[in-house]
Amino acid sequence: MDKSKQVIASIQLGDEQIVFHFIEFWYQEDIGSLSAKVLAYLSQVRILETIQGADRENIRFTWQMKYYFSLNFDCYSQSCWLEGEDDVSKEQLKQLMTEFTVVNGC
């Protein structure tokens, strides 16, 4: 995929996750640049690990050095979502979403 076309089309806050939709179809080899694009909107992010599967990839990270999240990509379903890894982090999803308001034009 042409990296200049890696545009986030929309971001939606659900009860327990934030869902990302991209304009272009993407492949597993695009996940590195897609995840960098998503995480670039967040302040104080530290990647803990990246877990690759056959058609999935998960990037575990901390936000503000105290909340734990996972950014998940599923190639087969073209799904991308972010979720808290514990109850304390899940409670921060709404606050985390405010860092993406530039993308959603809010």
C-alpha atoms as a PDB file:
ATOM      1  CA  MET A   1       0.000   0.000   0.000  1.00  0.00           C
ATOM      2  CA  ASP A   2       1.131   3.514  -0.722  1.00  0.00           C
ATOM      3  CA  LYS A   3       1.900   4.945   2.734  1.00  0.00           C
ATOM      4  CA  SER A   4       0.453   8.318   1.732  1.00  0.00           C
ATOM      5  CA  LYS A   5      -2.968   6.628   1.394  1.00  0.00           C
ATOM      6  CA  GLN A   6      -2.930   5.214   4.925  1.00  0.00           C
ATOM      7  CA  VAL A   7      -5.645   7.499   6.185  1.00  0.00           C
ATOM      8  CA  ILE A   8      -7.806   6.875   9.212  1.00  0.00           C
ATOM      9  CA  ALA A   9     -11.373   7.228   7.942  1.00  0.00           C
ATOM     10  CA  SER A  10     -13.104   7.155  11.319  1.00  0.00           C
ATOM     11  CA  ILE A  11     -12.672   6.348  14.974  1.00  0.00           C
ATOM     12  CA  GLN A  12     -15.524   5.117  17.160  1.00  0.00           C
ATOM     13  CA  LEU A  13     -15.653   4.757  20.923  1.00  0.00           C
ATOM     14  CA  GLY A  14     -17.476   1.649  22.093  1.00  0.00           C
ATOM     15  CA  ASP A  15     -18.194   0.402  25.593  1.00  0.00           C
ATOM     16  CA  GLU A  16     -14.892  -1.454  25.920  1.00  0.00           C
ATOM     17  CA  GLN A  17     -12.867  -0.504  22.860  1.00  0.00           C
ATOM     18  CA  ILE A  18     -11.963   2.160  20.339  1.00  0.00           C
ATOM     19  CA  VAL A  19     -12.458   1.019  16.732  1.00  0.00           C
ATOM     20  CA  PHE A  20     -10.454   2.410  13.798  1.00  0.00           C
ATOM     21  CA  HIS A  21     -11.463   2.290  10.134  1.00  0.00           C
ATOM     22  CA  PHE A  22      -8.971   2.975   7.361  1.00  0.00           C
ATOM     23  CA  ILE A  23      -9.841   4.274   3.892  1.00  0.00           C
ATOM     24  CA  GLU A  24      -7.677   1.802   1.999  1.00  0.00           C
ATOM     25  CA  PHE A  25      -7.531  -2.001   2.201  1.00  0.00           C
ATOM     26  CA  TRP A  26      -4.398  -2.991   4.139  1.00  0.00           C
ATOM     27  CA  TYR A  27      -2.188  -6.061   4.511  1.00  0.00           C
ATOM     28  CA  GLN A  28      -0.206  -7.502   7.396  1.00  0.00           C
ATOM     29  CA  GLU A  29       2.977  -5.880   6.121  1.00  0.00           C
ATOM     30  CA  ASP A  30       1.232  -2.482   6.504  1.00  0.00           C
ATOM     31  CA  ILE A  31       0.546  -2.924  10.229  1.00  0.00           C
ATOM     32  CA  GLY A  32       3.844  -1.376  11.325  1.00  0.00           C
ATOM     33  CA  SER A  33       3.104   1.920   9.601  1.00  0.00           C
ATOM     34  CA  LEU A  34      -0.624   1.810  10.483  1.00  0.00           C
ATOM     35  CA  SER A  35       0.113   1.283  14.169  1.00  0.00           C
ATOM     36  CA  ALA A  36       2.686   4.090  14.082  1.00  0.00           C
ATOM     37  CA  LYS A  37       0.038   6.380  12.568  1.00  0.00           C
ATOM     38  CA  VAL A  38      -2.493   5.504  15.311  1.00  0.00           C
ATOM     39  CA  LEU A  39      -0.023   5.737  18.189  1.00  0.00           C
ATOM     40  CA  ALA A  40       1.401   9.050  16.917  1.00  0.00           C
ATOM     41  CA  TYR A  41      -1.757  10.806  18.160  1.00  0.00           C
ATOM     42  CA  LEU A  42      -1.156   9.693  21.740  1.00  0.00           C
ATOM     43  CA  SER A  43       1.121  11.341  24.254  1.00  0.00           C
ATOM     44  CA  GLN A  44       3.418   9.390  26.540  1.00  0.00           C
ATOM     45  CA  VAL A  45       3.241   6.018  24.782  1.00  0.00           C
ATOM     46  CA  ARG A  46       5.731   3.232  25.385  1.00  0.00           C
ATOM     47  CA  ILE A  47       5.459   0.034  23.350  1.00  0.00           C
ATOM     48  CA  LEU A  48       5.906  -3.027  25.538  1.00  0.00           C
ATOM     49  CA  GLU A  49       5.730  -5.769  22.914  1.00  0.00           C
ATOM     50  CA  THR A  50       4.412  -6.733  19.502  1.00  0.00           C
ATOM     51  CA  ILE A  51       2.790 -10.135  19.069  1.00  0.00           C
ATOM     52  CA  GLN A  52       2.416 -11.477  15.521  1.00  0.00           C
ATOM     53  CA  GLY A  53       0.082 -14.239  14.472  1.00  0.00           C
ATOM     54  CA  ALA A  54      -0.881 -15.737  11.130  1.00  0.00           C
ATOM     55  CA  ASP A  55      -3.308 -12.939  10.262  1.00  0.00           C
ATOM     56  CA  ARG A  56      -3.328 -10.868  13.456  1.00  0.00           C
ATOM     57  CA  GLU A  57      -1.010  -8.527  15.251  1.00  0.00           C
ATOM     58  CA  ASN A  58      -1.229  -7.006  18.722  1.00  0.00           C
ATOM     59  CA  ILE A  59       0.819  -4.096  20.004  1.00  0.00           C
ATOM     60  CA  ARG A  60       0.835  -3.813  23.788  1.00  0.00           C
ATOM     61  CA  PHE A  61       1.689  -0.380  25.157  1.00  0.00           C
ATOM     62  CA  THR A  62       1.423   1.903  28.149  1.00  0.00           C
ATOM     63  CA  TRP A  63      -0.200   5.320  28.001  1.00  0.00           C
ATOM     64  CA  GLN A  64       0.811   8.061  30.416  1.00  0.00           C
ATOM     65  CA  MET A  65       3.161   5.493  31.963  1.00  0.00           C
ATOM     66  CA  LYS A  66       0.400   3.875  34.029  1.00  0.00           C
ATOM     67  CA  TYR A  67      -2.400   2.520  31.809  1.00  0.00           C
ATOM     68  CA  TYR A  68      -2.079  -0.668  29.751  1.00  0.00           C
ATOM     69  CA  PHE A  69      -3.637  -1.062  26.305  1.00  0.00           C
ATOM     70  CA  SER A  70      -3.504  -3.327  23.305  1.00  0.00           C
ATOM     71  CA  LEU A  71      -3.806  -2.127  19.705  1.00  0.00           C
ATOM     72  CA  ASN A  72      -5.126  -5.049  17.662  1.00  0.00           C
ATOM     73  CA  PHE A  73      -5.166  -5.692  13.924  1.00  0.00           C
ATOM     74  CA  ASP A  74      -6.983  -8.547  12.199  1.00  0.00           C
ATOM     75  CA  CYS A  75      -6.103  -8.788   8.516  1.00  0.00           C
ATOM     76  CA  TYR A  76      -8.855 -11.208   7.541  1.00  0.00           C
ATOM     77  CA  SER A  77     -11.667  -8.940   8.769  1.00  0.00           C
ATOM     78  CA  GLN A  78      -9.766  -5.653   8.174  1.00  0.00           C
ATOM     79  CA  SER A  79     -10.418  -4.825  11.844  1.00  0.00           C
ATOM     80  CA  CYS A  80      -8.407  -2.531  14.059  1.00  0.00           C
ATOM     81  CA  TRP A  81      -9.309  -1.797  17.662  1.00  0.00           C
ATOM     82  CA  LEU A  82      -7.735  -0.607  20.867  1.00  0.00           C
ATOM     83  CA  GLU A  83      -8.728  -2.003  24.258  1.00  0.00           C
ATOM     84  CA  GLY A  84      -7.701  -1.646  27.870  1.00  0.00           C
ATOM     85  CA  GLU A  85      -5.930  -4.614  29.384  1.00  0.00           C
ATOM     86  CA  ASP A  86      -7.304  -4.149  32.901  1.00  0.00           C
ATOM     87  CA  ASP A  87     -10.275  -2.452  34.568  1.00  0.00           C
ATOM     88  CA  VAL A  88      -8.316   0.694  35.463  1.00  0.00           C
ATOM     89  CA  SER A  89      -7.178   1.114  31.850  1.00  0.00           C
ATOM     90  CA  LYS A  90     -10.655   0.379  30.464  1.00  0.00           C
ATOM     91  CA  GLU A  91     -11.960   3.277  32.566  1.00  0.00           C
ATOM     92  CA  GLN A  92      -9.548   5.575  30.667  1.00  0.00           C
ATOM     93  CA  LEU A  93     -10.891   4.800  27.169  1.00  0.00           C
ATOM     94  CA  LYS A  94     -13.043   7.926  27.034  1.00  0.00           C
ATOM     95  CA  GLN A  95     -10.095  10.101  28.067  1.00  0.00           C
ATOM     96  CA  LEU A  96      -7.831   8.310  25.590  1.00  0.00           C
ATOM     97  CA  MET A  97     -10.391   8.973  22.857  1.00  0.00           C
ATOM     98  CA  THR A  98      -9.990  12.735  23.369  1.00  0.00           C
ATOM     99  CA  GLU A  99      -6.464  12.469  21.937  1.00  0.00           C
ATOM    100  CA  PHE A 100      -7.985  11.298  18.642  1.00  0.00           C
ATOM    101  CA  THR A 101     -10.406  14.211  18.239  1.00  0.00           C
ATOM    102  CA  VAL A 102      -8.170  15.767  15.593  1.00  0.00           C
ATOM    103  CA  VAL A 103      -8.720  12.702  13.420  1.00  0.00           C
ATOM    104  CA  ASN A 104     -12.482  12.698  13.863  1.00  0.00           C
ATOM    105  CA  GLY A 105     -12.726  16.450  13.377  1.00  0.00           C
ATOM    106  CA  CYS A 106     -14.468  16.964  16.727  1.00  0.00           C
END
